[in-house]
């Protein structure tokens, strides 16, 4: 099982001489392994090195408020000085003091952090853990979204998609026999076939003489018939004319079914796509202004293309290593604001390099540590909710900051005209601050539904 490293959701056969990677799991049988790399040179060590590099090169976000607030105090002091200098009566000092009191930029300074804390609270209540507040700030201004395949746009579990039976056999009966045998196997593909059998309400019968040899497949007796489940390669090696019998090879993983030594069917399995995947992808440009959607995966190109066509993504790249993903995301992030959604160890460097990195949090501690946002429910609907919370937070924070400052400017004009004494100015300023903060706290109470696809 190399899914956590390569993104390949289906088990990969290994033979003598093949490479195996740290962080992967041997599902069946036993093997003798020669260690060729240790520590920082292993696959996981290289991923860790990439994460640290991405963290060092990431540019911190400079907040808009930090950029402009430094000019505010000198300008206000200058205006108060002008009022004091040009006022001919004895109230010039009171007018200047009132201006300074009412001009206090509390609304500008407090509105944004208050809205951010409220946004963090709203996200947490929805099962979205925001570890880096800059990600919450940026998620409403994205122009590019990059997806990993396995576990994000798919469930990361194989699913039986095609049952190609010969004319001599009934598909329902074949599925009953095969599922009856597979129910005793712990192989991931066996679970997919049994799940398909249960969904079609087939009868699961007793089996006997079951044997499962690594690389050879599964065999046993069900209802008095010998059932064998093997691979296309194993069947073709024994039957020279297999090409005339088997269907044309397609994407995904294939299982060949033999009943009493006779070819009966070919089963095709693929990684199951998320039900909401196409709807979510298609609404990104319409609802969120996303200009570019990309699918990056370590899986085979044919599998990536299949899923991309299924969910409506025109740009896709298969066979991507962690280094390839990091390079692609870093290059895109240097140009526009990006969001990367992933869940595997191989996604961790890319999650760190993106403007907004979102990880589905039930799969890998390494991925969760690298991402700025962790979604506990592994759902694309939660990604949509997070994007809406970010946009709503920015809108309300801007309302509070600009509205509060506008009221302060009005107060300054009134004070400069001599109609607002210092004490009244102080009370006015406090009222403005309270209104701005209360408005910012509205972020913590989102609408009943934030999902719009």
Protein backbone atom coordinates (compact mmCIF):
# COMPACT_ATOMS: atom_id res chain seq x y z
CA UNK A 1 0.00 0.00 0.00
CA UNK A 2 1.84 3.09 -1.28
CA UNK A 3 -1.13 5.48 -1.04
CA UNK A 4 0.39 7.67 1.68
CA UNK A 5 3.55 8.28 -0.34
CA UNK A 6 2.66 8.09 -4.04
CA UNK A 7 -1.08 8.82 -4.01
CA UNK A 8 -1.82 5.47 -5.69
CA UNK A 9 -4.98 4.24 -3.91
CA UNK A 10 -4.83 0.62 -5.10
CA UNK A 11 -2.21 -1.88 -3.86
CA UNK A 12 0.93 -2.23 -5.97
CA UNK A 13 2.49 -5.63 -6.71
CA UNK A 14 6.16 -5.95 -5.78
CA UNK A 15 8.54 -8.54 -7.18
CA UNK A 16 12.16 -9.40 -6.44
CA UNK A 17 14.35 -6.43 -7.33
CA UNK A 18 11.60 -3.79 -7.02
CA UNK A 19 12.05 -0.76 -4.78
CA UNK A 20 9.91 -0.40 -1.66
CA UNK A 21 9.60 2.90 0.18
CA UNK A 22 9.65 3.89 3.83
CA UNK A 23 6.16 4.72 5.04
CA UNK A 24 4.46 2.07 2.89
CA UNK A 25 2.72 -1.08 4.16
CA UNK A 26 3.08 -4.71 3.09
CA UNK A 27 -0.47 -6.06 2.93
CA UNK A 28 0.07 -9.78 2.23
CA UNK A 29 2.80 -12.38 2.55
CA UNK A 30 6.37 -11.87 3.73
CA UNK A 31 9.38 -10.37 2.01
CA UNK A 32 13.08 -9.89 2.58
CA UNK A 33 14.08 -6.25 2.23
CA UNK A 34 17.53 -4.76 1.68
CA UNK A 35 17.89 -1.28 3.20
CA UNK A 36 19.62 1.05 0.73
CA UNK A 37 18.88 4.42 2.36
CA UNK A 38 18.47 5.50 5.97
CA UNK A 39 17.49 8.62 7.91
CA UNK A 40 17.35 11.82 5.85
CA UNK A 41 17.95 9.89 2.60
CA UNK A 42 14.75 7.84 2.84
CA UNK A 43 11.51 8.82 1.12
CA UNK A 44 10.03 10.22 4.33
CA UNK A 45 13.30 11.99 5.14
CA UNK A 46 13.25 13.70 1.75
CA UNK A 47 9.62 14.78 2.29
CA UNK A 48 10.60 16.28 5.65
CA UNK A 49 13.45 18.18 3.97
CA UNK A 50 11.03 19.55 1.35
CA UNK A 51 8.61 20.70 4.08
CA UNK A 52 11.36 22.63 5.88
CA UNK A 53 12.51 24.23 2.61
CA UNK A 54 8.95 25.29 1.77
CA UNK A 55 8.50 26.76 5.26
CA UNK A 56 11.70 28.80 5.01
CA UNK A 57 10.87 30.27 1.59
CA UNK A 58 7.22 31.14 2.31
CA UNK A 59 6.65 34.91 2.23
CA UNK A 60 4.70 36.26 5.25
CA UNK A 61 1.52 38.19 4.49
CA UNK A 62 1.66 41.89 5.30
CA UNK A 63 -1.73 43.06 6.49
CA UNK A 64 -3.34 46.05 4.84
CA UNK A 65 -4.00 47.63 8.23
CA UNK A 66 -0.29 47.45 9.15
CA UNK A 67 0.59 49.21 5.92
CA UNK A 68 -1.63 52.24 6.38
CA UNK A 69 -2.03 52.71 10.14
CA UNK A 70 1.56 54.01 10.43
CA UNK A 71 0.53 57.10 8.44
CA UNK A 72 -2.63 57.72 10.42
CA UNK A 73 -1.18 59.21 13.62
CA UNK A 74 1.14 61.78 11.91
CA UNK A 75 -1.73 62.95 9.69
CA UNK A 76 -4.13 63.36 12.64
CA UNK A 77 -1.51 65.24 14.69
CA UNK A 78 -0.87 67.53 11.74
CA UNK A 79 -4.60 68.25 11.30
CA UNK A 80 -5.03 68.94 15.03
CA UNK A 81 -2.05 71.32 14.88
CA UNK A 82 -3.58 73.14 11.92
CA UNK A 83 -6.89 73.55 13.81
CA UNK A 84 -5.02 74.83 16.89
CA UNK A 85 -2.94 77.26 14.81
CA UNK A 86 -5.79 78.76 12.80
CA UNK A 87 -8.41 78.95 15.58
CA UNK A 88 -8.66 82.61 16.61
CA UNK A 89 -10.66 82.22 19.87
CA UNK A 90 -9.70 80.58 23.19
CA UNK A 91 -11.33 77.22 22.25
CA UNK A 92 -8.54 76.20 19.88
CA UNK A 93 -6.89 73.88 22.41
CA UNK A 94 -10.22 72.21 23.29
CA UNK A 95 -10.98 71.69 19.61
CA UNK A 96 -7.56 70.13 18.99
CA UNK A 97 -7.88 67.86 22.04
CA UNK A 98 -11.40 66.79 20.98
CA UNK A 99 -10.09 65.96 17.51
CA UNK A 100 -7.30 63.82 18.96
CA UNK A 101 -9.70 62.01 21.33
CA UNK A 102 -12.34 61.21 18.72
CA UNK A 103 -9.71 60.28 16.11
CA UNK A 104 -8.35 57.35 18.13
CA UNK A 105 -8.10 54.51 15.55
CA UNK A 106 -9.51 51.83 17.86
CA UNK A 107 -12.12 50.75 15.32
CA UNK A 108 -9.45 50.36 12.66
CA UNK A 109 -7.13 48.43 14.98
CA UNK A 110 -9.73 46.27 16.74
CA UNK A 111 -12.14 45.40 13.91
CA UNK A 112 -9.87 43.04 11.98
CA UNK A 113 -8.53 40.93 14.90
CA UNK A 114 -12.02 40.74 16.41
CA UNK A 115 -13.45 39.52 13.09
CA UNK A 116 -10.59 37.01 12.77
CA UNK A 117 -11.18 35.55 16.23
CA UNK A 118 -14.89 35.33 15.43
CA UNK A 119 -14.03 33.61 12.13
CA UNK A 120 -11.80 31.09 13.92
CA UNK A 121 -14.66 30.35 16.31
CA UNK A 122 -17.18 29.90 13.49
CA UNK A 123 -14.82 27.57 11.61
CA UNK A 124 -14.04 25.49 14.72
CA UNK A 125 -17.73 24.91 15.40
CA UNK A 126 -18.02 23.46 11.89
CA UNK A 127 -15.09 21.07 12.42
CA UNK A 128 -12.57 23.26 10.58
CA UNK A 129 -9.37 23.85 12.57
CA UNK A 130 -7.47 26.94 11.41
CA UNK A 131 -3.87 26.75 12.62
CA UNK A 132 -2.61 29.77 10.68
CA UNK A 133 -4.91 32.81 10.70
CA UNK A 134 -3.32 34.13 7.48
CA UNK A 135 -4.98 31.22 5.67
CA UNK A 136 -8.37 32.38 6.92
CA UNK A 137 -7.55 35.89 5.76
CA UNK A 138 -6.49 34.76 2.27
CA UNK A 139 -9.09 32.10 1.46
CA UNK A 140 -11.61 34.66 0.22
CA UNK A 141 -9.21 36.11 -2.38
CA UNK A 142 -7.98 32.99 -4.18
CA UNK A 143 -7.65 32.68 -7.94
CA UNK A 144 -6.21 29.14 -8.25
CA UNK A 145 -7.20 25.87 -6.56
CA UNK A 146 -4.98 22.78 -6.81
CA UNK A 147 -6.26 19.35 -5.77
CA UNK A 148 -4.55 16.12 -4.93
CA UNK A 149 -6.58 13.15 -6.17
CA UNK A 150 -6.57 10.34 -3.65
CA UNK A 151 -8.60 11.07 -0.53
CA UNK A 152 -9.65 14.57 -1.64
CA UNK A 153 -11.64 14.28 -4.87
CA UNK A 154 -11.93 10.53 -4.22
CA UNK A 155 -12.64 8.51 -1.09
CA UNK A 156 -9.28 6.73 -1.35
CA UNK A 157 -11.01 3.34 -1.48
CA UNK A 158 -11.40 1.02 -4.50
CA UNK A 159 -14.88 0.53 -5.93
CA UNK A 160 -16.16 -2.14 -8.34
CA UNK A 161 -17.12 -0.17 -11.46
CA UNK A 162 -17.54 -2.81 -14.21
CA UNK A 163 -18.54 -6.50 -14.33
CA UNK A 164 -17.77 -7.90 -17.79
CA UNK A 165 -19.18 -11.43 -17.88
CA UNK A 166 -19.20 -13.88 -20.78
CA UNK A 167 -22.53 -14.87 -22.31
CA UNK A 168 -22.41 -18.21 -20.45
CA UNK A 169 -22.61 -16.63 -17.00
CA UNK A 170 -25.13 -14.48 -15.19
CA UNK A 171 -23.44 -11.37 -13.68
CA UNK A 172 -25.57 -11.57 -10.52
CA UNK A 173 -24.65 -15.21 -9.92
CA UNK A 174 -20.95 -14.60 -10.64
CA UNK A 175 -20.91 -11.71 -8.16
CA UNK A 176 -22.59 -13.92 -5.56
CA UNK A 177 -19.90 -16.62 -5.97
CA UNK A 178 -16.96 -14.19 -6.01
CA UNK A 179 -18.22 -12.09 -3.08
CA UNK A 180 -18.82 -15.27 -1.09
CA UNK A 181 -15.15 -16.16 -1.51
CA UNK A 182 -13.81 -12.62 -1.06
CA UNK A 183 -15.66 -12.04 2.23
CA UNK A 184 -12.92 -13.96 4.07
CA UNK A 185 -10.05 -11.99 2.52
CA UNK A 186 -8.51 -8.86 4.06
CA UNK A 187 -7.31 -7.51 0.70
CA UNK A 188 -8.64 -3.97 -0.10
CA UNK A 189 -10.02 -5.19 -3.44
CA UNK A 190 -11.89 -7.97 -1.65
CA UNK A 191 -13.64 -5.38 0.50
CA UNK A 192 -14.73 -3.51 -2.64
CA UNK A 193 -16.18 -6.65 -4.26
CA UNK A 194 -18.03 -7.68 -1.09
CA UNK A 195 -19.43 -4.14 -0.76
CA UNK A 196 -20.67 -4.33 -4.36
CA UNK A 197 -22.29 -7.69 -3.64
CA UNK A 198 -24.10 -6.35 -0.61
CA UNK A 199 -25.30 -3.29 -2.51
CA UNK A 200 -26.80 -5.61 -5.15
CA UNK A 201 -28.29 -7.85 -2.43
CA UNK A 202 -26.54 -11.02 -3.61
CA UNK A 203 -26.59 -14.10 -1.39
CA UNK A 204 -23.24 -14.69 0.34
CA UNK A 205 -22.67 -18.44 0.51
CA UNK A 206 -20.32 -20.59 2.55
CA UNK A 207 -16.92 -21.30 1.02
CA UNK A 208 -14.25 -23.90 1.72
CA UNK A 209 -10.67 -24.81 0.83
CA UNK A 210 -9.86 -21.12 0.53
CA UNK A 211 -6.24 -20.17 -0.17
CA UNK A 212 -4.63 -16.81 -0.87
CA UNK A 213 -1.06 -16.72 -2.09
CA UNK A 214 0.65 -13.32 -2.47
CA UNK A 215 0.84 -12.38 -6.14
CA UNK A 216 -1.21 -15.42 -7.19
CA UNK A 217 -4.71 -14.38 -6.19
CA UNK A 218 -7.53 -16.07 -4.31
CA UNK A 219 -9.13 -19.48 -4.82
CA UNK A 220 -11.67 -21.66 -3.06
CA UNK A 221 -14.83 -23.77 -3.37
CA UNK A 222 -18.22 -22.02 -3.30
CA UNK A 223 -21.50 -23.93 -3.84
CA UNK A 224 -19.53 -26.88 -5.22
CA UNK A 225 -17.69 -24.76 -7.80
CA UNK A 226 -14.01 -23.86 -7.86
CA UNK A 227 -13.68 -20.08 -7.92
CA UNK A 228 -10.41 -18.35 -8.69
CA UNK A 229 -9.70 -14.61 -8.68
CA UNK A 230 -6.41 -13.61 -10.29
CA UNK A 231 -4.80 -10.82 -12.30
CA UNK A 232 -4.79 -10.35 -16.06
CA UNK A 233 -1.01 -10.87 -16.12
CA UNK A 234 -1.19 -14.20 -14.25
CA UNK A 235 -4.01 -15.46 -16.46
CA UNK A 236 -2.22 -14.41 -19.67
CA UNK A 237 0.99 -16.13 -18.55
CA UNK A 238 -0.82 -19.49 -18.36
CA UNK A 239 -3.18 -19.01 -21.32
CA UNK A 240 -1.37 -17.91 -24.51
CA UNK A 241 -4.67 -17.06 -26.24
CA UNK A 242 -5.88 -14.88 -23.39
CA UNK A 243 -5.93 -11.79 -25.62
CA UNK A 244 -8.75 -13.38 -27.64
CA UNK A 245 -10.81 -14.02 -24.51
CA UNK A 246 -10.21 -11.05 -22.24
CA UNK A 247 -11.79 -7.62 -22.92
CA UNK A 248 -9.56 -4.79 -24.10
CA UNK A 249 -7.45 -3.50 -21.24
CA UNK A 250 -8.71 -0.23 -19.78
CA UNK A 251 -7.82 2.00 -16.84
CA UNK A 252 -8.07 0.98 -13.23
CA UNK A 253 -7.28 -2.43 -11.79
CA UNK A 254 -8.63 -5.64 -13.30
CA UNK A 255 -9.45 -9.00 -11.72
CA UNK A 256 -10.00 -12.10 -13.84
CA UNK A 257 -12.64 -14.56 -12.57
CA UNK A 258 -12.39 -18.29 -13.33
CA UNK A 259 -15.18 -20.76 -12.49
CA UNK A 260 -14.16 -24.44 -12.60
CA UNK A 261 -11.09 -23.40 -14.60
CA UNK A 262 -13.14 -21.59 -17.25
CA UNK A 263 -12.93 -17.85 -17.84
CA UNK A 264 -16.15 -16.25 -16.59
CA UNK A 265 -15.67 -12.51 -16.09
CA UNK A 266 -13.38 -9.54 -15.72
CA UNK A 267 -13.96 -7.10 -12.86
CA UNK A 268 -12.67 -3.54 -13.06
CA UNK A 269 -12.07 -1.45 -9.97
CA UNK A 270 -11.25 2.23 -9.55
CA UNK A 271 -10.80 4.68 -6.72
CA UNK A 272 -14.32 5.82 -5.82
CA UNK A 273 -14.89 9.54 -6.66
CA UNK A 274 -16.63 11.73 -4.10
CA UNK A 275 -20.30 12.23 -4.89
CA UNK A 276 -20.07 16.00 -4.53
CA UNK A 277 -16.78 16.33 -6.46
CA UNK A 278 -18.13 17.52 -9.82
CA UNK A 279 -20.61 19.95 -8.25
CA UNK A 280 -17.93 21.46 -6.03
CA UNK A 281 -15.38 21.88 -8.84
CA UNK A 282 -17.92 23.36 -11.25
CA UNK A 283 -19.11 25.99 -8.78
CA UNK A 284 -15.65 27.34 -7.93
CA UNK A 285 -15.43 29.86 -10.78
CA UNK A 286 -19.10 30.83 -10.55
CA UNK A 287 -19.29 31.38 -6.78
CA UNK A 288 -15.71 32.03 -5.72
CA UNK A 289 -14.09 33.62 -8.78
CA UNK A 290 -11.53 30.84 -9.19
CA UNK A 291 -9.79 31.20 -12.55
CA UNK A 292 -7.70 28.02 -12.58
CA UNK A 293 -8.39 24.53 -11.20
CA UNK A 294 -5.63 21.90 -11.40
CA UNK A 295 -5.47 18.21 -10.44
CA UNK A 296 -2.03 16.95 -9.31
CA UNK A 297 -1.51 13.32 -8.35
CA UNK A 298 1.15 10.71 -7.89
CA UNK A 299 -1.26 8.21 -9.43
CA UNK A 300 -1.01 6.94 -13.02
CA UNK A 301 -1.79 9.45 -15.80
CA UNK A 302 -4.73 7.35 -17.06
CA UNK A 303 -6.37 7.33 -13.62
CA UNK A 304 -5.84 11.06 -13.16
CA UNK A 305 -7.33 11.75 -16.60
CA UNK A 306 -10.35 9.54 -15.81
CA UNK A 307 -11.12 11.46 -12.62
CA UNK A 308 -10.43 14.86 -14.20
CA UNK A 309 -12.96 14.13 -16.95
CA UNK A 310 -15.43 12.88 -14.35
CA UNK A 311 -15.36 16.03 -12.20
CA UNK A 312 -14.77 18.59 -14.95
CA UNK A 313 -11.11 19.59 -14.49
CA UNK A 314 -9.35 20.42 -17.76
CA UNK A 315 -5.78 20.70 -16.40
CA UNK A 316 -4.29 17.62 -14.75
CA UNK A 317 -0.89 16.04 -14.16
CA UNK A 318 -0.22 12.42 -13.12
CA UNK A 319 2.87 10.66 -11.81
CA UNK A 320 3.80 13.65 -9.62
CA UNK A 321 6.41 13.15 -6.91
CA UNK A 322 6.42 15.33 -3.75
CA UNK A 323 9.19 17.39 -5.39
CA UNK A 324 7.08 17.89 -8.54
CA UNK A 325 4.05 18.99 -6.51
CA UNK A 326 6.14 21.41 -4.46
CA UNK A 327 7.70 22.93 -7.58
CA UNK A 328 4.31 23.37 -9.30
CA UNK A 329 2.59 24.90 -6.26
CA UNK A 330 5.54 27.20 -5.45
CA UNK A 331 5.65 28.46 -9.03
CA UNK A 332 1.90 29.14 -9.06
CA UNK A 333 1.92 30.75 -5.58
CA UNK A 334 4.63 33.19 -6.69
CA UNK A 335 2.19 34.39 -9.36
CA UNK A 336 -1.28 34.29 -7.72
CA UNK A 337 -2.97 33.30 -4.47
CA UNK A 338 -3.40 29.52 -4.38
CA UNK A 339 -5.16 26.87 -2.34
CA UNK A 340 -3.88 23.29 -2.22
CA UNK A 341 -6.13 20.51 -0.90
CA UNK A 342 -4.48 17.19 -0.03
CA UNK A 343 -4.32 14.39 2.50
CA UNK A 344 -1.22 12.24 1.92
CA UNK A 345 2.33 12.48 3.24
CA UNK A 346 3.43 13.28 -0.31
CA UNK A 347 1.20 16.39 -0.20
CA UNK A 348 2.84 17.93 2.89
CA UNK A 349 5.47 20.09 1.09
CA UNK A 350 2.85 21.45 -1.36
CA UNK A 351 0.48 22.22 1.53
CA UNK A 352 3.22 24.25 3.17
CA UNK A 353 4.06 26.15 -0.05
CA UNK A 354 0.49 27.17 -1.01
CA UNK A 355 -1.09 30.44 0.10
CA UNK A 356 -3.79 28.32 1.76
CA UNK A 357 -3.06 24.66 2.56
CA UNK A 358 -6.04 22.49 3.50
CA UNK A 359 -5.63 18.91 4.76
CA UNK A 360 -8.27 16.31 5.49
CA UNK A 361 -7.26 15.51 9.05
CA UNK A 362 -8.13 11.83 9.50
CA UNK A 363 -5.26 10.42 7.45
CA UNK A 364 -1.77 11.67 8.32
CA UNK A 365 -0.25 13.57 11.25
CA UNK A 366 2.53 14.83 8.96
CA UNK A 367 0.00 16.33 6.55
CA UNK A 368 -2.01 17.91 9.36
CA UNK A 369 1.14 19.53 10.76
CA UNK A 370 2.11 20.98 7.36
CA UNK A 371 -1.32 22.40 6.52
CA UNK A 372 -2.60 25.73 7.80
CA UNK A 373 -6.18 24.42 7.86
CA UNK A 374 -7.32 20.94 8.92
CA UNK A 375 -10.80 19.67 8.07
CA UNK A 376 -11.83 16.89 10.42
CA UNK A 377 -14.83 15.68 8.40
CA UNK A 378 -12.97 14.97 5.11
CA UNK A 379 -15.67 16.67 3.05
CA UNK A 380 -15.51 19.11 0.14
CA UNK A 381 -18.57 20.82 1.63
CA UNK A 382 -16.35 21.87 4.56
CA UNK A 383 -13.86 23.42 2.12
CA UNK A 384 -16.72 25.46 0.67
CA UNK A 385 -17.82 26.53 4.15
CA UNK A 386 -14.27 27.64 4.98
CA UNK A 387 -14.04 29.75 1.82
CA UNK A 388 -17.36 31.43 2.62
CA UNK A 389 -16.33 32.11 6.23
CA UNK A 390 -13.16 33.78 4.95
CA UNK A 391 -15.02 35.95 2.46
CA UNK A 392 -17.66 36.91 5.04
CA UNK A 393 -14.96 37.69 7.62
CA UNK A 394 -13.13 40.04 5.24
CA UNK A 395 -16.37 41.79 4.26
CA UNK A 396 -17.51 42.37 7.86
CA UNK A 397 -14.01 43.36 9.04
CA UNK A 398 -13.84 45.94 6.25
CA UNK A 399 -17.32 47.16 7.21
CA UNK A 400 -16.28 47.64 10.82
CA UNK A 401 -12.91 49.24 10.07
CA UNK A 402 -14.08 51.60 7.32
CA UNK A 403 -17.40 52.36 9.02
CA UNK A 404 -15.71 53.07 12.35
CA UNK A 405 -13.10 55.32 10.75
CA UNK A 406 -15.76 57.15 8.74
CA UNK A 407 -17.64 57.93 11.96
CA UNK A 408 -14.39 59.05 13.59
CA UNK A 409 -13.68 61.40 10.68
CA UNK A 410 -17.19 62.86 10.98
CA UNK A 411 -16.54 63.32 14.72
CA UNK A 412 -13.23 65.05 13.93
CA UNK A 413 -14.98 67.50 11.60
CA UNK A 414 -17.59 68.27 14.26
CA UNK A 415 -14.85 68.67 16.90
CA UNK A 416 -12.82 70.99 14.66
CA UNK A 417 -15.89 73.20 14.29
CA UNK A 418 -16.15 73.48 18.09
CA UNK A 419 -19.38 71.51 18.54
CA UNK A 420 -17.86 68.49 20.33
CA UNK A 421 -16.09 69.08 23.67
CA UNK A 422 -13.35 66.64 24.81
CA UNK A 423 -15.56 64.64 27.22
CA UNK A 424 -18.31 64.22 24.63
CA UNK A 425 -15.62 63.29 22.09
CA UNK A 426 -14.36 60.53 24.39
CA UNK A 427 -17.87 59.13 24.84
CA UNK A 428 -18.49 59.34 21.10
CA UNK A 429 -15.27 57.47 20.38
CA UNK A 430 -16.16 54.68 22.81
CA UNK A 431 -19.60 54.29 21.22
CA UNK A 432 -17.99 54.05 17.77
CA UNK A 433 -15.56 51.38 19.04
CA UNK A 434 -18.33 49.30 20.63
CA UNK A 435 -20.43 49.44 17.45
CA UNK A 436 -17.43 48.41 15.31
CA UNK A 437 -16.55 45.47 17.60
CA UNK A 438 -20.15 44.25 17.86
CA UNK A 439 -20.44 44.34 14.09
CA UNK A 440 -17.17 42.37 13.75
CA UNK A 441 -18.50 39.73 16.15
CA UNK A 442 -21.27 38.93 13.64
CA UNK A 443 -18.69 36.72 11.89
CA UNK A 444 -19.06 34.20 14.73
CA UNK A 445 -22.73 33.70 13.84
CA UNK A 446 -22.75 32.46 10.23
CA UNK A 447 -25.95 31.90 8.23
CA UNK A 448 -27.72 28.55 8.61
CA UNK A 449 -26.06 27.22 5.45
CA UNK A 450 -22.78 28.33 3.89
CA UNK A 451 -22.77 25.65 1.18
CA UNK A 452 -23.88 26.85 -2.26
CA UNK A 453 -23.33 23.91 -4.61
